[in-house]
Amino acid sequence: MIVFGDVQVVGFRFSCIEVARGLGLTGWVRNNPDGTVQIVAEGEKEPLENLVTWAKQGPPLARVDEIKTEWQEVTGEFSKFEVKY
């Protein structure tokens, strides 16, 4: 998922970690050089959909303009949800 808007320096990544872990998801979140935030998450469909719903608004200081999602097959490569640098 790529999140567009004012989504950097507003606590987006660390809020995303809390939400994703609370939903039992694994994967990562990172800031991209173009000002977007990228989220890669694995888990059951409903929790993933809940993460997408959360990301459409983000944390209180964020302004989300658009989200692009791409669904793929599970790889099982992640053991937790974390910030990727």
N, C-alpha and C. Protein backbone atom coordinates (compact mmCIF):
# COMPACT_ATOMS: atom_id res chain seq x y z
N MET A 1 0.86 -1.16 0.00
CA MET A 1 0.00 0.00 0.00
C MET A 1 0.90 1.22 0.00
N ILE A 2 0.56 2.21 -0.80
CA ILE A 2 1.26 3.49 -0.81
C ILE A 2 0.25 4.55 -0.36
N VAL A 3 0.65 5.36 0.63
CA VAL A 3 -0.23 6.38 1.19
C VAL A 3 0.32 7.75 0.79
N PHE A 4 -0.53 8.55 0.17
CA PHE A 4 -0.17 9.88 -0.31
C PHE A 4 -0.81 10.95 0.56
N GLY A 5 -0.14 12.08 0.70
CA GLY A 5 -0.66 13.21 1.46
C GLY A 5 0.41 13.73 2.40
N ASP A 6 -0.02 14.40 3.46
CA ASP A 6 0.92 14.82 4.52
C ASP A 6 1.00 13.66 5.50
N VAL A 7 1.90 12.73 5.22
CA VAL A 7 1.94 11.49 5.99
C VAL A 7 3.32 11.21 6.59
N GLN A 8 4.25 12.13 6.43
CA GLN A 8 5.55 11.98 7.06
C GLN A 8 5.71 13.05 8.14
N VAL A 9 6.43 12.71 9.19
CA VAL A 9 6.68 13.58 10.34
C VAL A 9 5.37 13.91 11.09
N VAL A 10 4.44 12.95 11.07
CA VAL A 10 3.18 13.12 11.79
C VAL A 10 2.85 11.89 12.62
N GLY A 11 3.83 11.00 12.79
CA GLY A 11 3.62 9.79 13.58
C GLY A 11 2.94 8.66 12.83
N PHE A 12 2.89 8.76 11.51
CA PHE A 12 2.17 7.76 10.73
C PHE A 12 2.78 6.37 10.89
N ARG A 13 4.09 6.25 10.74
CA ARG A 13 4.72 4.93 10.79
C ARG A 13 4.51 4.26 12.15
N PHE A 14 4.72 5.00 13.22
CA PHE A 14 4.63 4.37 14.54
C PHE A 14 3.18 4.09 14.93
N SER A 15 2.25 4.90 14.47
CA SER A 15 0.83 4.58 14.67
C SER A 15 0.45 3.35 13.86
N CYS A 16 1.00 3.24 12.65
CA CYS A 16 0.74 2.09 11.80
C CYS A 16 1.23 0.81 12.46
N ILE A 17 2.40 0.87 13.08
CA ILE A 17 2.93 -0.30 13.77
C ILE A 17 1.98 -0.75 14.87
N GLU A 18 1.49 0.17 15.68
CA GLU A 18 0.57 -0.18 16.76
C GLU A 18 -0.70 -0.82 16.21
N VAL A 19 -1.25 -0.23 15.16
CA VAL A 19 -2.49 -0.76 14.57
C VAL A 19 -2.25 -2.14 13.97
N ALA A 20 -1.19 -2.27 13.17
CA ALA A 20 -0.90 -3.55 12.51
C ALA A 20 -0.63 -4.66 13.52
N ARG A 21 0.16 -4.37 14.53
CA ARG A 21 0.44 -5.38 15.56
C ARG A 21 -0.83 -5.76 16.30
N GLY A 22 -1.67 -4.77 16.60
CA GLY A 22 -2.94 -5.03 17.27
C GLY A 22 -3.87 -5.91 16.44
N LEU A 23 -3.71 -5.84 15.12
CA LEU A 23 -4.51 -6.67 14.22
C LEU A 23 -3.87 -8.02 13.94
N GLY A 24 -2.69 -8.24 14.51
CA GLY A 24 -2.00 -9.52 14.31
C GLY A 24 -1.31 -9.65 12.97
N LEU A 25 -0.96 -8.52 12.35
CA LEU A 25 -0.32 -8.54 11.04
C LEU A 25 1.20 -8.51 11.17
N THR A 26 1.87 -8.97 10.14
CA THR A 26 3.32 -8.86 10.05
C THR A 26 3.67 -8.07 8.80
N GLY A 27 4.91 -7.54 8.76
CA GLY A 27 5.35 -6.77 7.60
C GLY A 27 6.15 -5.56 8.02
N TRP A 28 6.03 -4.48 7.25
CA TRP A 28 6.79 -3.28 7.56
C TRP A 28 6.13 -2.03 7.01
N VAL A 29 6.60 -0.89 7.51
CA VAL A 29 6.16 0.42 7.04
C VAL A 29 7.40 1.29 6.91
N ARG A 30 7.44 2.14 5.89
CA ARG A 30 8.59 3.03 5.72
C ARG A 30 8.18 4.32 5.03
N ASN A 31 8.98 5.38 5.28
CA ASN A 31 8.85 6.62 4.53
C ASN A 31 9.60 6.46 3.22
N ASN A 32 8.99 6.91 2.13
CA ASN A 32 9.65 6.92 0.83
C ASN A 32 10.20 8.32 0.56
N PRO A 33 11.26 8.41 -0.25
CA PRO A 33 11.87 9.72 -0.56
C PRO A 33 10.90 10.72 -1.19
N ASP A 34 9.84 10.24 -1.84
CA ASP A 34 8.89 11.14 -2.51
C ASP A 34 7.82 11.70 -1.58
N GLY A 35 7.92 11.40 -0.27
CA GLY A 35 6.96 11.94 0.70
C GLY A 35 5.80 11.01 1.01
N THR A 36 5.74 9.86 0.35
CA THR A 36 4.69 8.89 0.63
C THR A 36 5.14 7.95 1.75
N VAL A 37 4.19 7.17 2.24
CA VAL A 37 4.49 6.08 3.18
C VAL A 37 4.09 4.78 2.50
N GLN A 38 4.96 3.79 2.60
CA GLN A 38 4.70 2.48 2.02
C GLN A 38 4.48 1.47 3.13
N ILE A 39 3.44 0.65 2.97
CA ILE A 39 3.11 -0.38 3.95
C ILE A 39 3.04 -1.72 3.23
N VAL A 40 3.76 -2.70 3.74
CA VAL A 40 3.68 -4.08 3.26
C VAL A 40 3.24 -4.90 4.47
N ALA A 41 2.09 -5.56 4.34
CA ALA A 41 1.54 -6.29 5.48
C ALA A 41 1.02 -7.65 5.04
N GLU A 42 1.16 -8.64 5.93
CA GLU A 42 0.63 -9.98 5.69
C GLU A 42 -0.24 -10.39 6.86
N GLY A 43 -1.25 -11.17 6.55
CA GLY A 43 -2.15 -11.68 7.57
C GLY A 43 -3.46 -12.10 6.94
N GLU A 44 -4.45 -12.28 7.78
CA GLU A 44 -5.78 -12.65 7.31
C GLU A 44 -6.43 -11.46 6.60
N LYS A 45 -7.37 -11.76 5.71
CA LYS A 45 -7.98 -10.74 4.87
C LYS A 45 -8.68 -9.63 5.67
N GLU A 46 -9.49 -10.00 6.65
CA GLU A 46 -10.24 -8.99 7.40
C GLU A 46 -9.32 -8.01 8.14
N PRO A 47 -8.30 -8.50 8.87
CA PRO A 47 -7.38 -7.55 9.51
C PRO A 47 -6.65 -6.66 8.49
N LEU A 48 -6.30 -7.22 7.34
CA LEU A 48 -5.66 -6.41 6.29
C LEU A 48 -6.60 -5.32 5.80
N GLU A 49 -7.86 -5.66 5.61
CA GLU A 49 -8.85 -4.65 5.20
C GLU A 49 -9.02 -3.59 6.27
N ASN A 50 -8.94 -4.00 7.55
CA ASN A 50 -9.03 -3.03 8.65
C ASN A 50 -7.83 -2.09 8.64
N LEU A 51 -6.65 -2.59 8.30
CA LEU A 51 -5.47 -1.73 8.19
C LEU A 51 -5.64 -0.72 7.06
N VAL A 52 -6.18 -1.16 5.94
CA VAL A 52 -6.44 -0.24 4.82
C VAL A 52 -7.42 0.84 5.25
N THR A 53 -8.47 0.45 5.94
CA THR A 53 -9.46 1.42 6.44
C THR A 53 -8.80 2.43 7.36
N TRP A 54 -7.95 1.96 8.28
CA TRP A 54 -7.23 2.88 9.18
C TRP A 54 -6.34 3.82 8.38
N ALA A 55 -5.60 3.28 7.41
CA ALA A 55 -4.64 4.08 6.65
C ALA A 55 -5.32 5.18 5.83
N LYS A 56 -6.57 5.02 5.50
CA LYS A 56 -7.29 6.05 4.75
C LYS A 56 -7.43 7.34 5.55
N GLN A 57 -7.30 7.23 6.87
CA GLN A 57 -7.35 8.41 7.73
C GLN A 57 -6.01 8.65 8.41
N GLY A 58 -5.37 7.58 8.88
CA GLY A 58 -4.08 7.70 9.56
C GLY A 58 -4.22 8.31 10.94
N PRO A 59 -3.09 8.68 11.53
CA PRO A 59 -3.12 9.29 12.86
C PRO A 59 -3.67 10.72 12.79
N PRO A 60 -3.97 11.33 13.95
CA PRO A 60 -4.63 12.65 13.96
C PRO A 60 -3.92 13.76 13.18
N LEU A 61 -2.59 13.78 13.16
CA LEU A 61 -1.88 14.87 12.48
C LEU A 61 -1.69 14.65 10.98
N ALA A 62 -2.04 13.48 10.49
CA ALA A 62 -1.86 13.16 9.06
C ALA A 62 -3.01 13.71 8.22
N ARG A 63 -2.71 13.95 6.95
CA ARG A 63 -3.73 14.25 5.95
C ARG A 63 -3.52 13.27 4.80
N VAL A 64 -4.40 12.30 4.68
CA VAL A 64 -4.30 11.29 3.63
C VAL A 64 -5.12 11.74 2.43
N ASP A 65 -4.44 11.86 1.28
CA ASP A 65 -5.12 12.27 0.05
C ASP A 65 -5.54 11.08 -0.81
N GLU A 66 -4.74 10.03 -0.77
CA GLU A 66 -5.00 8.89 -1.66
C GLU A 66 -4.23 7.67 -1.12
N ILE A 67 -4.76 6.50 -1.42
CA ILE A 67 -4.09 5.24 -1.10
C ILE A 67 -4.15 4.36 -2.34
N LYS A 68 -3.02 3.76 -2.66
CA LYS A 68 -2.98 2.76 -3.74
C LYS A 68 -2.63 1.43 -3.09
N THR A 69 -3.46 0.43 -3.33
CA THR A 69 -3.21 -0.89 -2.76
C THR A 69 -2.97 -1.90 -3.86
N GLU A 70 -2.17 -2.88 -3.55
CA GLU A 70 -1.90 -3.99 -4.45
C GLU A 70 -1.91 -5.26 -3.59
N TRP A 71 -2.79 -6.18 -3.93
CA TRP A 71 -2.91 -7.43 -3.18
C TRP A 71 -2.05 -8.49 -3.85
N GLN A 72 -1.28 -9.22 -3.04
CA GLN A 72 -0.41 -10.26 -3.56
C GLN A 72 -0.54 -11.52 -2.71
N GLU A 73 0.07 -12.60 -3.19
CA GLU A 73 0.09 -13.84 -2.43
C GLU A 73 0.97 -13.68 -1.18
N VAL A 74 0.62 -14.38 -0.13
CA VAL A 74 1.39 -14.36 1.12
C VAL A 74 2.74 -15.03 0.88
N THR A 75 3.81 -14.41 1.40
CA THR A 75 5.15 -14.99 1.27
C THR A 75 5.60 -15.65 2.56
N GLY A 76 5.07 -15.21 3.69
CA GLY A 76 5.47 -15.76 4.98
C GLY A 76 6.86 -15.34 5.43
N GLU A 77 7.40 -14.29 4.80
CA GLU A 77 8.78 -13.88 5.11
C GLU A 77 8.91 -13.00 6.35
N PHE A 78 7.81 -12.53 6.90
CA PHE A 78 7.87 -11.60 8.03
C PHE A 78 7.51 -12.30 9.34
N SER A 79 8.20 -11.93 10.40
CA SER A 79 7.90 -12.51 11.71
C SER A 79 7.23 -11.51 12.65
N LYS A 80 7.31 -10.21 12.30
CA LYS A 80 6.69 -9.16 13.11
C LYS A 80 6.41 -7.96 12.20
N PHE A 81 5.80 -6.93 12.76
CA PHE A 81 5.56 -5.70 12.01
C PHE A 81 6.49 -4.64 12.55
N GLU A 82 7.26 -3.99 11.66
CA GLU A 82 8.28 -3.04 12.11
C GLU A 82 8.49 -1.92 11.09
N VAL A 83 9.28 -0.92 11.49
CA VAL A 83 9.68 0.15 10.58
C VAL A 83 10.84 -0.37 9.75
N LYS A 84 10.77 -0.12 8.46
CA LYS A 84 11.86 -0.45 7.56
C LYS A 84 12.57 0.85 7.20
N TYR A 85 13.88 0.87 7.36
CA TYR A 85 14.66 2.08 7.06
C TYR A 85 15.40 1.92 5.76
